[in-house]
Amino acid sequence: MSCVACHSPHEPLDLDMAAYDGICKQCHAAAQHRQAIAGTACAQCHMPPVRLDNLVFTNHRIGVYGSASPLVPVNARPAR
């Protein structure tokens, strides 16, 4: 996936995470979750915010994250 899969290069950046749910659901319409997600945008969990000292950004490594780390998905394979 490239940036333009979710972001329009001709429109201002939309900071409302829920605005991207329609794009997620184009491929993941039947997604099943183990926890209640009502009112939660897909990107809030699958692209969590990262805060490192004075640096704040949205993790663009789409995955399933636990509370341990907003940088490494729980199903990540160890580096070889």
Protein backbone atom coordinates (compact mmCIF):
# COMPACT_ATOMS: atom_id res chain seq x y z
CA MET A 1 0.00 0.00 0.00
CA SER A 2 1.15 3.51 -0.68
CA CYS A 3 0.16 6.78 0.97
CA VAL A 4 -2.51 7.47 -1.64
CA ALA A 5 -4.34 4.27 -0.70
CA CYS A 6 -5.70 6.24 2.27
CA HIS A 7 -4.70 9.88 1.70
CA SER A 8 -5.68 12.10 -1.21
CA PRO A 9 -2.75 14.15 -2.51
CA HIS A 10 -5.29 16.79 -3.65
CA GLU A 11 -7.05 17.32 -0.31
CA PRO A 12 -5.86 18.60 3.06
CA LEU A 13 -4.91 15.90 5.56
CA ASP A 14 -7.98 14.74 7.48
CA LEU A 15 -7.04 14.41 11.17
CA ASP A 16 -10.32 12.66 12.07
CA MET A 17 -9.30 9.00 12.31
CA ALA A 18 -12.89 7.82 11.82
CA ALA A 19 -12.90 9.45 8.38
CA TYR A 20 -10.63 6.62 7.19
CA ASP A 21 -12.90 3.79 8.37
CA GLY A 22 -14.61 3.57 4.98
CA ILE A 23 -11.26 2.90 3.32
CA CYS A 24 -10.45 0.14 5.85
CA LYS A 25 -13.86 -1.46 5.36
CA GLN A 26 -13.41 -1.70 1.59
CA CYS A 27 -11.17 -4.72 2.27
CA HIS A 28 -12.13 -5.58 5.85
CA ALA A 29 -15.94 -5.32 5.82
CA ALA A 30 -16.35 -8.51 7.87
CA ALA A 31 -13.58 -7.85 10.40
CA GLN A 32 -14.13 -9.63 13.71
CA HIS A 33 -12.81 -8.27 17.00
CA ARG A 34 -12.26 -9.92 20.36
CA GLN A 35 -13.20 -6.75 22.24
CA ALA A 36 -16.07 -4.29 21.92
CA ILE A 37 -15.12 -1.55 19.48
CA ALA A 38 -18.29 0.53 19.20
CA GLY A 39 -17.41 4.14 18.44
CA THR A 40 -13.71 3.40 17.95
CA ALA A 41 -12.05 4.28 14.66
CA CYS A 42 -10.10 1.48 12.97
CA ALA A 43 -6.91 3.58 12.98
CA GLN A 44 -7.11 4.21 16.75
CA CYS A 45 -6.23 0.58 17.40
CA HIS A 46 -4.55 -0.57 14.20
CA MET A 47 -2.43 2.58 13.68
CA PRO A 48 -1.85 3.79 17.26
CA PRO A 49 -0.35 7.14 18.19
CA VAL A 50 3.29 6.98 19.27
CA ARG A 51 4.89 9.39 21.73
CA LEU A 52 8.67 9.36 22.05
CA ASP A 53 10.01 12.29 24.05
CA ASN A 54 9.04 15.34 21.95
CA LEU A 55 8.11 13.30 18.87
CA VAL A 56 4.44 12.41 18.30
CA PHE A 57 3.24 10.53 15.21
CA THR A 58 0.74 7.94 13.99
CA ASN A 59 2.22 4.49 13.49
CA HIS A 60 1.64 3.62 9.84
CA ARG A 61 2.57 -0.05 10.30
CA ILE A 62 -1.02 -1.30 10.25
CA GLY A 63 -1.43 -4.20 12.68
CA VAL A 64 -2.83 -5.50 15.94
CA TYR A 65 -1.27 -3.76 18.94
CA GLY A 66 -1.39 -4.54 22.63
CA SER A 67 -0.78 -2.21 25.53
CA ALA A 68 2.91 -3.17 25.68
CA SER A 69 4.06 -1.21 22.63
CA PRO A 70 2.49 1.13 20.07
CA LEU A 71 5.44 0.39 17.76
CA VAL A 72 5.48 -3.41 17.52
CA PRO A 73 2.36 -5.40 16.58
CA VAL A 74 1.59 -8.35 18.85
CA ASN A 75 1.78 -10.68 15.86
CA ALA A 76 5.12 -9.35 14.55
CA ARG A 77 7.71 -11.90 13.56
CA PRO A 78 11.11 -11.56 15.23
CA ALA A 79 13.90 -10.15 13.05
CA ARG A 80 16.20 -12.75 11.55
